[in-house]
PDB file of all heavy atoms in Angstrom:
ATOM      1  N   GLY A   1     138.780 -71.110 -95.007  1.00  0.00           N
ATOM      2  CA  GLY A   1     139.837 -71.939 -94.435  1.00  0.00           C
ATOM      3  C   GLY A   1     141.175 -71.825 -95.119  1.00  0.00           C
ATOM      4  O   GLY A   1     141.901 -72.804 -95.242  1.00  0.00           O
ATOM      5  N   VAL A   2     141.538 -70.620 -95.556  1.00  0.00           N
ATOM      6  CA  VAL A   2     142.790 -70.425 -96.291  1.00  0.00           C
ATOM      7  C   VAL A   2     143.888 -69.764 -95.462  1.00  0.00           C
ATOM      8  O   VAL A   2     144.941 -69.436 -96.004  1.00  0.00           O
ATOM      9  CB  VAL A   2     142.549 -69.600 -97.578  1.00  0.00           C
ATOM     10  CG1 VAL A   2     141.599 -70.309 -98.516  1.00  0.00           C
ATOM     11  CG2 VAL A   2     142.045 -68.205 -97.251  1.00  0.00           C
ATOM     12  N   LEU A   3     143.664 -69.574 -94.174  1.00  0.00           N
ATOM     13  CA  LEU A   3     144.626 -68.808 -93.383  1.00  0.00           C
ATOM     14  C   LEU A   3     145.989 -69.485 -93.274  1.00  0.00           C
ATOM     15  O   LEU A   3     147.019 -68.818 -93.389  1.00  0.00           O
ATOM     16  CB  LEU A   3     144.059 -68.494 -92.004  1.00  0.00           C
ATOM     17  CG  LEU A   3     142.827 -67.580 -92.012  1.00  0.00           C
ATOM     18  CD1 LEU A   3     142.371 -67.291 -90.591  1.00  0.00           C
ATOM     19  CD2 LEU A   3     143.106 -66.287 -92.765  1.00  0.00           C
ATOM     20  N   ALA A   4     146.029 -70.788 -93.053  1.00  0.00           N
ATOM     21  CA  ALA A   4     147.328 -71.480 -92.963  1.00  0.00           C
ATOM     22  C   ALA A   4     148.096 -71.331 -94.276  1.00  0.00           C
ATOM     23  O   ALA A   4     149.306 -71.049 -94.258  1.00  0.00           O
ATOM     24  CB  ALA A   4     147.131 -72.952 -92.605  1.00  0.00           C
ATOM     25  N   ASP A   5     147.411 -71.494 -95.396  1.00  0.00           N
ATOM     26  CA  ASP A   5     148.059 -71.326 -96.698  1.00  0.00           C
ATOM     27  C   ASP A   5     148.503 -69.882 -96.904  1.00  0.00           C
ATOM     28  O   ASP A   5     149.566 -69.621 -97.462  1.00  0.00           O
ATOM     29  CB  ASP A   5     147.119 -71.737 -97.836  1.00  0.00           C
ATOM     30  CG  ASP A   5     146.880 -73.227 -97.891  1.00  0.00           C
ATOM     31  OD1 ASP A   5     147.738 -74.003 -97.405  1.00  0.00           O
ATOM     32  OD2 ASP A   5     145.827 -73.631 -98.419  1.00  0.00           O
ATOM     33  N   SER A   6     147.700 -68.944 -96.439  1.00  0.00           N
ATOM     34  CA  SER A   6     148.039 -67.526 -96.581  1.00  0.00           C
ATOM     35  C   SER A   6     149.305 -67.187 -95.810  1.00  0.00           C
ATOM     36  O   SER A   6     150.172 -66.470 -96.312  1.00  0.00           O
ATOM     37  CB  SER A   6     146.877 -66.657 -96.089  1.00  0.00           C
ATOM     38  OG  SER A   6     145.727 -66.873 -96.865  1.00  0.00           O
ATOM     39  N   VAL A   7     149.410 -67.710 -94.605  1.00  0.00           N
ATOM     40  CA  VAL A   7     150.617 -67.483 -93.802  1.00  0.00           C
ATOM     41  C   VAL A   7     151.826 -68.108 -94.501  1.00  0.00           C
ATOM     42  O   VAL A   7     152.901 -67.503 -94.574  1.00  0.00           O
ATOM     43  CB  VAL A   7     150.442 -68.025 -92.366  1.00  0.00           C
ATOM     44  CG1 VAL A   7     151.761 -67.991 -91.604  1.00  0.00           C
ATOM     45  CG2 VAL A   7     149.366 -67.228 -91.625  1.00  0.00           C
ATOM     46  N   ALA A   8     151.652 -69.296 -95.041  1.00  0.00           N
ATOM     47  CA  ALA A   8     152.750 -69.956 -95.755  1.00  0.00           C
ATOM     48  C   ALA A   8     153.167 -69.146 -96.982  1.00  0.00           C
ATOM     49  O   ALA A   8     154.359 -69.019 -97.270  1.00  0.00           O
ATOM     50  CB  ALA A   8     152.351 -71.372 -96.150  1.00  0.00           C
ATOM     51  N   LEU A   9     152.207 -68.592 -97.695  1.00  0.00           N
ATOM     52  CA  LEU A   9     152.520 -67.821 -98.899  1.00  0.00           C
ATOM     53  C   LEU A   9     153.272 -66.537 -98.580  1.00  0.00           C
ATOM     54  O   LEU A   9     154.185 -66.153 -99.313  1.00  0.00           O
ATOM     55  CB  LEU A   9     151.236 -67.470 -99.657  1.00  0.00           C
ATOM     56  CG  LEU A   9     150.621 -68.607-100.464  1.00  0.00           C
ATOM     57  CD1 LEU A   9     149.204 -68.253-100.870  1.00  0.00           C
ATOM     58  CD2 LEU A   9     151.472 -68.900-101.695  1.00  0.00           C
ATOM     59  N   THR A  10     152.901 -65.867 -97.502  1.00  0.00           N
ATOM     60  CA  THR A  10     153.547 -64.600 -97.167  1.00  0.00           C
ATOM     61  C   THR A  10     154.776 -64.793 -96.285  1.00  0.00           C
ATOM     62  O   THR A  10     155.634 -63.928 -96.229  1.00  0.00           O
ATOM     63  CB  THR A  10     152.580 -63.656 -96.418  1.00  0.00           C
ATOM     64  OG1 THR A  10     152.215 -64.255 -95.170  1.00  0.00           O
ATOM     65  CG2 THR A  10     151.346 -63.352 -97.240  1.00  0.00           C
ATOM     66  N   GLY A  11     154.811 -65.926 -95.573  1.00  0.00           N
ATOM     67  CA  GLY A  11     155.927 -66.191 -94.673  1.00  0.00           C
ATOM     68  C   GLY A  11     155.807 -65.490 -93.332  1.00  0.00           C
ATOM     69  O   GLY A  11     156.724 -65.548 -92.513  1.00  0.00           O
ATOM     70  N   ASP A  12     154.668 -64.830 -93.089  1.00  0.00           N
ATOM     71  CA  ASP A  12     154.523 -64.062 -91.850  1.00  0.00           C
ATOM     72  C   ASP A  12     153.044 -63.863 -91.557  1.00  0.00           C
ATOM     73  O   ASP A  12     152.329 -63.253 -92.355  1.00  0.00           O
ATOM     74  CB  ASP A  12     155.213 -62.709 -92.023  1.00  0.00           C
ATOM     75  CG  ASP A  12     155.215 -61.857 -90.760  1.00  0.00           C
ATOM     76  OD1 ASP A  12     154.454 -62.131 -89.816  1.00  0.00           O
ATOM     77  OD2 ASP A  12     156.000 -60.894 -90.742  1.00  0.00           O
ATOM     78  N   SER A  13     152.586 -64.358 -90.411  1.00  0.00           N
ATOM     79  CA  SER A  13     151.169 -64.208 -90.059  1.00  0.00           C
ATOM     80  C   SER A  13     150.763 -62.741 -89.920  1.00  0.00           C
ATOM     81  O   SER A  13     149.594 -62.403 -90.088  1.00  0.00           O
ATOM     82  CB  SER A  13     150.849 -64.964 -88.768  1.00  0.00           C
ATOM     83  OG  SER A  13     151.586 -64.425 -87.688  1.00  0.00           O
ATOM     84  N   GLY A  14     151.719 -61.875 -89.660  1.00  0.00           N
ATOM     85  CA  GLY A  14     151.437 -60.452 -89.572  1.00  0.00           C
ATOM     86  C   GLY A  14     151.125 -59.813 -90.907  1.00  0.00           C
ATOM     87  O   GLY A  14     150.699 -58.658 -90.968  1.00  0.00           O
ATOM     88  N   HIS A  15     151.337 -60.549 -91.982  1.00  0.00           N
ATOM     89  CA  HIS A  15     151.054 -60.032 -93.325  1.00  0.00           C
ATOM     90  C   HIS A  15     149.737 -60.556 -93.864  1.00  0.00           C
ATOM     91  O   HIS A  15     149.468 -60.450 -95.054  1.00  0.00           O
ATOM     92  CB  HIS A  15     152.183 -60.399 -94.287  1.00  0.00           C
ATOM     93  CG  HIS A  15     153.442 -59.658 -93.997  1.00  0.00           C
ATOM     94  ND1 HIS A  15     154.504 -59.648 -94.859  1.00  0.00           N
ATOM     95  CD2 HIS A  15     153.829 -58.893 -92.946  1.00  0.00           C
ATOM     96  CE1 HIS A  15     155.476 -58.918 -94.344  1.00  0.00           C
ATOM     97  NE2 HIS A  15     155.084 -58.456 -93.179  1.00  0.00           N
ATOM     98  N   VAL A  16     148.932 -61.132 -92.971  1.00  0.00           N
ATOM     99  CA  VAL A  16     147.631 -61.682 -93.372  1.00  0.00           C
ATOM    100  C   VAL A  16     146.560 -61.024 -92.519  1.00  0.00           C
ATOM    101  O   VAL A  16     146.703 -60.901 -91.305  1.00  0.00           O
ATOM    102  CB  VAL A  16     147.589 -63.213 -93.175  1.00  0.00           C
ATOM    103  CG1 VAL A  16     146.245 -63.777 -93.585  1.00  0.00           C
ATOM    104  CG2 VAL A  16     148.717 -63.889 -93.952  1.00  0.00           C
ATOM    105  N   LEU A  17     145.494 -60.598 -93.165  1.00  0.00           N
ATOM    106  CA  LEU A  17     144.353 -60.007 -92.489  1.00  0.00           C
ATOM    107  C   LEU A  17     143.106 -60.698 -92.999  1.00  0.00           C
ATOM    108  O   LEU A  17     142.957 -60.911 -94.207  1.00  0.00           O
ATOM    109  CB  LEU A  17     144.265 -58.510 -92.795  1.00  0.00           C
ATOM    110  CG  LEU A  17     143.012 -57.779 -92.312  1.00  0.00           C
ATOM    111  CD1 LEU A  17     142.972 -57.739 -90.780  1.00  0.00           C
ATOM    112  CD2 LEU A  17     142.948 -56.380 -92.894  1.00  0.00           C
ATOM    113  N   THR A  18     142.221 -61.092 -92.097  1.00  0.00           N
ATOM    114  CA  THR A  18     140.959 -61.684 -92.511  1.00  0.00           C
ATOM    115  C   THR A  18     139.796 -60.847 -92.013  1.00  0.00           C
ATOM    116  O   THR A  18     139.855 -60.272 -90.923  1.00  0.00           O
ATOM    117  CB  THR A  18     140.801 -63.139 -92.023  1.00  0.00           C
ATOM    118  OG1 THR A  18     139.562 -63.666 -92.537  1.00  0.00           O
ATOM    119  CG2 THR A  18     140.820 -63.255 -90.518  1.00  0.00           C
ATOM    120  N   ILE A  19     138.774 -60.774 -92.825  1.00  0.00           N
ATOM    121  CA  ILE A  19     137.531 -60.133 -92.425  1.00  0.00           C
ATOM    122  C   ILE A  19     136.415 -61.164 -92.353  1.00  0.00           C
ATOM    123  O   ILE A  19     135.266 -60.815 -92.144  1.00  0.00           O
ATOM    124  CB  ILE A  19     137.138 -58.986 -93.386  1.00  0.00           C
ATOM    125  CG1 ILE A  19     136.939 -59.497 -94.807  1.00  0.00           C
ATOM    126  CG2 ILE A  19     138.177 -57.866 -93.332  1.00  0.00           C
ATOM    127  CD1 ILE A  19     136.356 -58.477 -95.772  1.00  0.00           C
ATOM    128  N   ALA A  20     136.800 -62.450 -92.517  1.00  0.00           N
ATOM    129  CA  ALA A  20     135.764 -63.470 -92.638  1.00  0.00           C
ATOM    130  C   ALA A  20     136.017 -64.755 -91.862  1.00  0.00           C
ATOM    131  O   ALA A  20     135.102 -65.561 -91.746  1.00  0.00           O
ATOM    132  CB  ALA A  20     135.580 -63.812 -94.118  1.00  0.00           C
ATOM    133  N   ASP A  21     137.212 -64.978 -91.359  1.00  0.00           N
ATOM    134  CA  ASP A  21     137.525 -66.266 -90.718  1.00  0.00           C
ATOM    135  C   ASP A  21     137.757 -66.077 -89.226  1.00  0.00           C
ATOM    136  O   ASP A  21     138.760 -65.514 -88.807  1.00  0.00           O
ATOM    137  CB  ASP A  21     138.758 -66.886 -91.371  1.00  0.00           C
ATOM    138  CG  ASP A  21     138.957 -68.342 -91.000  1.00  0.00           C
ATOM    139  OD1 ASP A  21     138.557 -68.737 -89.882  1.00  0.00           O
ATOM    140  OD2 ASP A  21     139.527 -69.083 -91.819  1.00  0.00           O
ATOM    141  N   MET A  22     136.818 -66.593 -88.445  1.00  0.00           N
ATOM    142  CA  MET A  22     136.872 -66.426 -86.994  1.00  0.00           C
ATOM    143  C   MET A  22     138.011 -67.228 -86.348  1.00  0.00           C
ATOM    144  O   MET A  22     138.288 -67.062 -85.176  1.00  0.00           O
ATOM    145  CB  MET A  22     135.535 -66.826 -86.368  1.00  0.00           C
ATOM    146  CG  MET A  22     134.363 -65.981 -86.851  1.00  0.00           C
ATOM    147  SD  MET A  22     134.537 -64.229 -86.478  1.00  0.00           S
ATOM    148  CE  MET A  22     134.238 -64.259 -84.727  1.00  0.00           C
ATOM    149  N   SER A  23     138.681 -68.087 -87.100  1.00  0.00           N
ATOM    150  CA  SER A  23     139.795 -68.859 -86.550  1.00  0.00           C
ATOM    151  C   SER A  23     141.125 -68.116 -86.674  1.00  0.00           C
ATOM    152  O   SER A  23     142.191 -68.704 -86.489  1.00  0.00           O
ATOM    153  CB  SER A  23     139.890 -70.228 -87.237  1.00  0.00           C
ATOM    154  OG  SER A  23     140.384 -70.097 -88.560  1.00  0.00           O
ATOM    155  N   ALA A  24     141.075 -66.840 -86.941  1.00  0.00           N
ATOM    156  CA  ALA A  24     142.282 -66.040 -87.178  1.00  0.00           C
ATOM    157  C   ALA A  24     143.318 -66.197 -86.070  1.00  0.00           C
ATOM    158  O   ALA A  24     144.500 -66.395 -86.346  1.00  0.00           O
ATOM    159  CB  ALA A  24     141.905 -64.573 -87.351  1.00  0.00           C
ATOM    160  N   ALA A  25     142.894 -66.121 -84.837  1.00  0.00           N
ATOM    161  CA  ALA A  25     143.832 -66.180 -83.710  1.00  0.00           C
ATOM    162  C   ALA A  25     144.598 -67.493 -83.679  1.00  0.00           C
ATOM    163  O   ALA A  25     145.769 -67.523 -83.289  1.00  0.00           O
ATOM    164  CB  ALA A  25     143.093 -65.974 -82.391  1.00  0.00           C
ATOM    165  N   GLN A  26     143.991 -68.573 -84.108  1.00  0.00           N
ATOM    166  CA  GLN A  26     144.661 -69.873 -84.137  1.00  0.00           C
ATOM    167  C   GLN A  26     145.845 -69.877 -85.096  1.00  0.00           C
ATOM    168  O   GLN A  26     146.742 -70.700 -84.982  1.00  0.00           O
ATOM    169  CB  GLN A  26     143.675 -70.972 -84.544  1.00  0.00           C
ATOM    170  CG  GLN A  26     142.557 -71.179 -83.553  1.00  0.00           C
ATOM    171  CD  GLN A  26     141.477 -72.105 -84.103  1.00  0.00           C
ATOM    172  OE1 GLN A  26     141.588 -72.649 -85.195  1.00  0.00           O
ATOM    173  NE2 GLN A  26     140.419 -72.277 -83.333  1.00  0.00           N
ATOM    174  N   HIS A  27     145.844 -68.953 -86.050  1.00  0.00           N
ATOM    175  CA  HIS A  27     146.907 -68.875 -87.054  1.00  0.00           C
ATOM    176  C   HIS A  27     147.808 -67.664 -86.820  1.00  0.00           C
ATOM    177  O   HIS A  27     148.700 -67.401 -87.633  1.00  0.00           O
ATOM    178  CB  HIS A  27     146.291 -68.805 -88.453  1.00  0.00           C
ATOM    179  CG  HIS A  27     145.429 -69.971 -88.788  1.00  0.00           C
ATOM    180  ND1 HIS A  27     145.930 -71.175 -89.224  1.00  0.00           N
ATOM    181  CD2 HIS A  27     144.091 -70.134 -88.711  1.00  0.00           C
ATOM    182  CE1 HIS A  27     144.932 -72.024 -89.418  1.00  0.00           C
ATOM    183  NE2 HIS A  27     143.808 -71.415 -89.107  1.00  0.00           N
ATOM    184  N   GLY A  28     147.543 -66.916 -85.751  1.00  0.00           N
ATOM    185  CA  GLY A  28     148.319 -65.710 -85.490  1.00  0.00           C
ATOM    186  C   GLY A  28     147.993 -64.578 -86.446  1.00  0.00           C
ATOM    187  O   GLY A  28     148.779 -63.654 -86.634  1.00  0.00           O
ATOM    188  N   VAL A  29     146.811 -64.638 -87.047  1.00  0.00           N
ATOM    189  CA  VAL A  29     146.389 -63.688 -88.071  1.00  0.00           C
ATOM    190  C   VAL A  29     145.457 -62.650 -87.451  1.00  0.00           C
ATOM    191  O   VAL A  29     144.671 -62.960 -86.555  1.00  0.00           O
ATOM    192  CB  VAL A  29     145.672 -64.448 -89.213  1.00  0.00           C
ATOM    193  CG1 VAL A  29     145.001 -63.509 -90.185  1.00  0.00           C
ATOM    194  CG2 VAL A  29     146.668 -65.349 -89.946  1.00  0.00           C
ATOM    195  N   ARG A  30     145.540 -61.430 -87.939  1.00  0.00           N
ATOM    196  CA  ARG A  30     144.647 -60.373 -87.478  1.00  0.00           C
ATOM    197  C   ARG A  30     143.253 -60.560 -88.064  1.00  0.00           C
ATOM    198  O   ARG A  30     143.096 -60.933 -89.216  1.00  0.00           O
ATOM    199  CB  ARG A  30     145.174 -58.997 -87.883  1.00  0.00           C
ATOM    200  CG  ARG A  30     146.450 -58.622 -87.161  1.00  0.00           C
ATOM    201  CD  ARG A  30     147.053 -57.347 -87.704  1.00  0.00           C
ATOM    202  NE  ARG A  30     147.485 -57.609 -89.082  1.00  0.00           N
ATOM    203  CZ  ARG A  30     147.438 -56.729 -90.067  1.00  0.00           C
ATOM    204  NH1 ARG A  30     146.991 -55.523 -89.868  1.00  0.00           N
ATOM    205  NH2 ARG A  30     147.855 -57.036 -91.277  1.00  0.00           N
ATOM    206  N   PHE A  31     142.245 -60.277 -87.233  1.00  0.00           N
ATOM    207  CA  PHE A  31     140.851 -60.330 -87.670  1.00  0.00           C
ATOM    208  C   PHE A  31     140.273 -58.932 -87.552  1.00  0.00           C
ATOM    209  O   PHE A  31     140.400 -58.284 -86.520  1.00  0.00           O
ATOM    210  CB  PHE A  31     140.040 -61.294 -86.796  1.00  0.00           C
ATOM    211  CG  PHE A  31     138.578 -61.336 -87.160  1.00  0.00           C
ATOM    212  CD1 PHE A  31     138.144 -62.133 -88.196  1.00  0.00           C
ATOM    213  CD2 PHE A  31     137.649 -60.572 -86.473  1.00  0.00           C
ATOM    214  CE1 PHE A  31     136.794 -62.173 -88.550  1.00  0.00           C
ATOM    215  CE2 PHE A  31     136.310 -60.602 -86.815  1.00  0.00           C
ATOM    216  CZ  PHE A  31     135.880 -61.409 -87.854  1.00  0.00           C
ATOM    217  N   SER A  32     139.659 -58.444 -88.616  1.00  0.00           N
ATOM    218  CA  SER A  32     138.999 -57.151 -88.587  1.00  0.00           C
ATOM    219  C   SER A  32     137.504 -57.394 -88.574  1.00  0.00           C
ATOM    220  O   SER A  32     136.960 -58.045 -89.469  1.00  0.00           O
ATOM    221  CB  SER A  32     139.376 -56.314 -89.810  1.00  0.00           C
ATOM    222  OG  SER A  32     138.604 -55.118 -89.819  1.00  0.00           O
ATOM    223  N   ALA A  33     136.848 -56.883 -87.554  1.00  0.00           N
ATOM    224  CA  ALA A  33     135.412 -57.082 -87.408  1.00  0.00           C
ATOM    225  C   ALA A  33     134.601 -56.135 -88.286  1.00  0.00           C
ATOM    226  O   ALA A  33     133.386 -56.127 -88.217  1.00  0.00           O
ATOM    227  CB  ALA A  33     135.014 -56.905 -85.946  1.00  0.00           C
ATOM    228  N   GLY A  34     135.266 -55.360 -89.097  1.00  0.00           N
ATOM    229  CA  GLY A  34     134.538 -54.497 -90.021  1.00  0.00           C
ATOM    230  C   GLY A  34     134.167 -53.152 -89.437  1.00  0.00           C
ATOM    231  O   GLY A  34     133.128 -52.609 -89.753  1.00  0.00           O
ATOM    232  N   ASP A  35     135.013 -52.604 -88.574  1.00  0.00           N
ATOM    233  CA  ASP A  35     134.798 -51.288 -88.019  1.00  0.00           C
ATOM    234  C   ASP A  35     134.716 -50.285 -89.174  1.00  0.00           C
ATOM    235  O   ASP A  35     135.669 -50.097 -89.925  1.00  0.00           O
ATOM    236  CB  ASP A  35     135.957 -50.949 -87.080  1.00  0.00           C
ATOM    237  CG  ASP A  35     135.836 -49.582 -86.437  1.00  0.00           C
ATOM    238  OD1 ASP A  35     135.342 -48.647 -87.090  1.00  0.00           O
ATOM    239  OD2 ASP A  35     136.251 -49.463 -85.270  1.00  0.00           O
ATOM    240  N   ALA A  36     133.581 -49.635 -89.329  1.00  0.00           N
ATOM    241  CA  ALA A  36     133.359 -48.731 -90.461  1.00  0.00           C
ATOM    242  C   ALA A  36     134.357 -47.581 -90.466  1.00  0.00           C
ATOM    243  O   ALA A  36     134.833 -47.177 -91.524  1.00  0.00           O
ATOM    244  CB  ALA A  36     131.930 -48.198 -90.430  1.00  0.00           C
ATOM    245  N   ASP A  37     134.691 -47.034 -89.300  1.00  0.00           N
ATOM    246  CA  ASP A  37     135.662 -45.939 -89.241  1.00  0.00           C
ATOM    247  C   ASP A  37     137.039 -46.399 -89.695  1.00  0.00           C
ATOM    248  O   ASP A  37     137.729 -45.712 -90.440  1.00  0.00           O
ATOM    249  CB  ASP A  37     135.749 -45.364 -87.825  1.00  0.00           C
ATOM    250  CG  ASP A  37     134.496 -44.599 -87.429  1.00  0.00           C
ATOM    251  OD1 ASP A  37     133.800 -44.086 -88.335  1.00  0.00           O
ATOM    252  OD2 ASP A  37     134.216 -44.521 -86.221  1.00  0.00           O
ATOM    253  N   GLN A  38     137.437 -47.597 -89.258  1.00  0.00           N
ATOM    254  CA  GLN A  38     138.736 -48.137 -89.651  1.00  0.00           C
ATOM    255  C   GLN A  38     138.762 -48.401 -91.160  1.00  0.00           C
ATOM    256  O   GLN A  38     139.744 -48.110 -91.833  1.00  0.00           O
ATOM    257  CB  GLN A  38     139.024 -49.417 -88.883  1.00  0.00           C
ATOM    258  CG  GLN A  38     140.392 -49.990 -89.158  1.00  0.00           C
ATOM    259  CD  GLN A  38     140.634 -51.264 -88.366  1.00  0.00           C
ATOM    260  OE1 GLN A  38     139.714 -51.952 -87.949  1.00  0.00           O
ATOM    261  NE2 GLN A  38     141.894 -51.577 -88.160  1.00  0.00           N
ATOM    262  N   ALA A  39     137.680 -48.956 -91.688  1.00  0.00           N
ATOM    263  CA  ALA A  39     137.609 -49.224 -93.129  1.00  0.00           C
ATOM    264  C   ALA A  39     137.706 -47.921 -93.916  1.00  0.00           C
ATOM    265  O   ALA A  39     138.407 -47.849 -94.931  1.00  0.00           O
ATOM    266  CB  ALA A  39     136.311 -49.964 -93.465  1.00  0.00           C
TER     267      ALA A  39
END
């Protein structure tokens, strides 16, 4: 549950990526489902 704080710290939701918080879209944050090729 740190996404809101993360956005505040960076000043931009585009600078936050989560691999663990399914509420990412609510914060405008990108969610990576762990695509092995992308990783």
